[in-house]
Amino acid sequence: MLKITQVGRVIVPVRDQDEAIAFYTNTLGFSLVADVPFGEGDRWVEVAPPAGGTAIALAPPQGDYQPGRMTGIALESPDPRADHAELQANGVDVDGELMGGDGTVPLLFFFRDQDGNQLMIVEAQ
């Protein structure tokens, strides 16, 4: 039997790792947890939410894995409304309306990072 214990990281393709680091740390409040040489002239970069959990690896594009995609990443927050307002005030590309919050689906919204990668913020249950 496999010995998998958790999701350790997810990978998001970005055009410029330094710009991505700035967005994820300055705009989202993530911590830079890895920025090390990798392969021949590349870097392995990871950011993570301040409370820990699954990291996001910010990787250069590879083949069909290009920036500007739906990532499938859902970030939890105790207050999506406040996050939506703050991201909007900071010029982040966020959906105009929040969805859910009706008792069956948690309150959530989508936004895009500096490369158009779509992520979701969803109310922590």
Protein backbone atom coordinates (compact mmCIF):
# COMPACT_ATOMS: atom_id res chain seq x y z
CA MET A 1 0.00 0.00 0.00
CA LEU A 2 1.20 3.54 -0.77
CA LYS A 3 2.30 5.70 2.13
CA ILE A 4 0.94 9.08 0.98
CA THR A 5 0.08 11.27 3.96
CA GLN A 6 -0.91 14.68 2.54
CA VAL A 7 -0.80 17.05 -0.43
CA GLY A 8 2.61 18.65 -0.03
CA ARG A 9 2.54 21.19 -2.87
CA VAL A 10 0.79 22.10 -6.08
CA ILE A 11 2.53 23.60 -9.10
CA VAL A 12 1.46 26.79 -10.85
CA PRO A 13 3.17 27.89 -14.09
CA VAL A 14 4.40 31.50 -14.05
CA ARG A 15 6.20 33.63 -16.63
CA ASP A 16 8.48 35.38 -14.14
CA GLN A 17 9.24 33.76 -10.78
CA ASP A 18 10.28 37.05 -9.15
CA GLU A 19 7.01 38.75 -10.15
CA ALA A 20 5.11 35.70 -8.89
CA ILE A 21 6.97 35.77 -5.57
CA ALA A 22 6.04 39.46 -5.19
CA PHE A 23 2.35 38.76 -5.91
CA TYR A 24 2.02 35.74 -3.64
CA THR A 25 3.99 37.28 -0.75
CA ASN A 26 3.03 40.96 -0.94
CA THR A 27 -0.55 40.63 -2.18
CA LEU A 28 -1.66 37.33 -0.66
CA GLY A 29 0.55 37.40 2.44
CA PHE A 30 2.21 34.06 1.74
CA SER A 31 5.71 33.22 2.95
CA LEU A 32 8.56 32.36 0.63
CA VAL A 33 9.58 28.88 1.82
CA ALA A 34 12.00 27.84 -0.96
CA ASP A 35 14.05 29.60 -3.61
CA VAL A 36 16.92 27.34 -4.61
CA PRO A 37 18.80 26.42 -7.78
CA PHE A 38 17.19 23.55 -9.65
CA GLY A 39 18.34 21.77 -12.76
CA GLU A 40 20.44 23.68 -15.24
CA GLY A 41 19.93 27.38 -14.55
CA ASP A 42 16.39 27.05 -13.16
CA ARG A 43 15.05 27.74 -9.66
CA TRP A 44 12.67 25.80 -7.42
CA VAL A 45 10.40 28.37 -5.78
CA GLU A 46 7.68 27.66 -3.23
CA VAL A 47 5.34 29.92 -1.30
CA ALA A 48 2.92 28.88 1.45
CA PRO A 49 0.10 30.42 3.48
CA PRO A 50 1.32 32.03 6.71
CA ALA A 51 -0.37 29.35 8.84
CA GLY A 52 1.31 26.58 6.85
CA GLY A 53 -0.29 23.84 4.81
CA THR A 54 0.15 22.94 1.17
CA ALA A 55 2.78 25.00 -0.62
CA ILE A 56 2.46 26.42 -4.12
CA ALA A 57 5.48 25.83 -6.36
CA LEU A 58 5.92 28.69 -8.85
CA ALA A 59 7.44 27.01 -11.88
CA PRO A 60 8.49 28.17 -15.34
CA PRO A 61 6.16 27.10 -18.16
CA GLN A 62 6.78 23.65 -19.63
CA GLY A 63 5.21 22.42 -22.89
CA ASP A 64 1.42 22.65 -22.60
CA TYR A 65 1.66 23.67 -18.94
CA GLN A 66 1.43 27.41 -19.49
CA PRO A 67 0.34 30.37 -17.31
CA GLY A 68 -3.22 31.66 -17.55
CA ARG A 69 -5.00 28.48 -16.48
CA MET A 70 -7.55 27.36 -13.94
CA THR A 71 -5.40 26.01 -11.13
CA GLY A 72 -8.07 24.21 -9.14
CA ILE A 73 -6.57 25.73 -5.98
CA ALA A 74 -9.07 26.73 -3.28
CA LEU A 75 -7.60 28.92 -0.54
CA GLU A 76 -9.54 28.97 2.73
CA SER A 77 -10.38 32.18 4.58
CA PRO A 78 -12.59 33.00 7.55
CA ASP A 79 -13.77 36.17 5.74
CA PRO A 80 -13.98 35.96 1.94
CA ARG A 81 -15.95 39.25 1.78
CA ALA A 82 -13.10 41.20 3.37
CA ASP A 83 -10.53 39.40 1.20
CA HIS A 84 -12.55 40.19 -1.93
CA ALA A 85 -12.73 43.88 -1.01
CA GLU A 86 -9.01 44.05 -0.19
CA LEU A 87 -7.90 42.30 -3.37
CA GLN A 88 -10.21 44.51 -5.43
CA ALA A 89 -8.84 47.64 -3.71
CA ASN A 90 -5.30 46.46 -4.51
CA GLY A 91 -6.09 46.15 -8.22
CA VAL A 92 -6.15 42.35 -8.36
CA ASP A 93 -8.31 40.79 -11.08
CA VAL A 94 -11.21 39.44 -8.98
CA ASP A 95 -14.69 38.33 -9.98
CA GLY A 96 -17.21 41.12 -9.46
CA GLU A 97 -19.52 39.05 -7.32
CA LEU A 98 -19.13 36.52 -4.55
CA MET A 99 -20.97 33.22 -4.93
CA GLY A 100 -22.52 30.78 -2.50
CA GLY A 101 -22.94 31.60 1.15
CA ASP A 102 -26.49 30.27 1.01
CA GLY A 103 -26.06 27.47 3.54
CA THR A 104 -25.43 24.77 0.92
CA VAL A 105 -22.33 26.19 -0.78
CA PRO A 106 -19.75 28.15 1.19
CA LEU A 107 -19.12 31.79 0.26
CA LEU A 108 -16.43 31.99 -2.43
CA PHE A 109 -14.96 33.98 -5.29
CA PHE A 110 -12.35 33.59 -7.99
CA PHE A 111 -9.35 35.79 -8.68
CA ARG A 112 -6.36 35.72 -10.99
CA ASP A 113 -2.68 36.10 -10.17
CA GLN A 114 -0.19 38.24 -12.12
CA ASP A 115 -0.17 35.68 -14.97
CA GLY A 116 -3.92 35.09 -15.16
CA ASN A 117 -3.83 31.82 -13.22
CA GLN A 118 -7.25 31.44 -11.58
CA LEU A 119 -7.53 30.60 -7.89
CA MET A 120 -10.47 30.57 -5.49
CA ILE A 121 -10.93 31.93 -2.00
CA VAL A 122 -13.58 29.98 -0.10
CA GLU A 123 -15.00 30.43 3.36
CA ALA A 124 -13.41 28.09 5.89
CA GLN A 125 -15.96 25.67 7.28
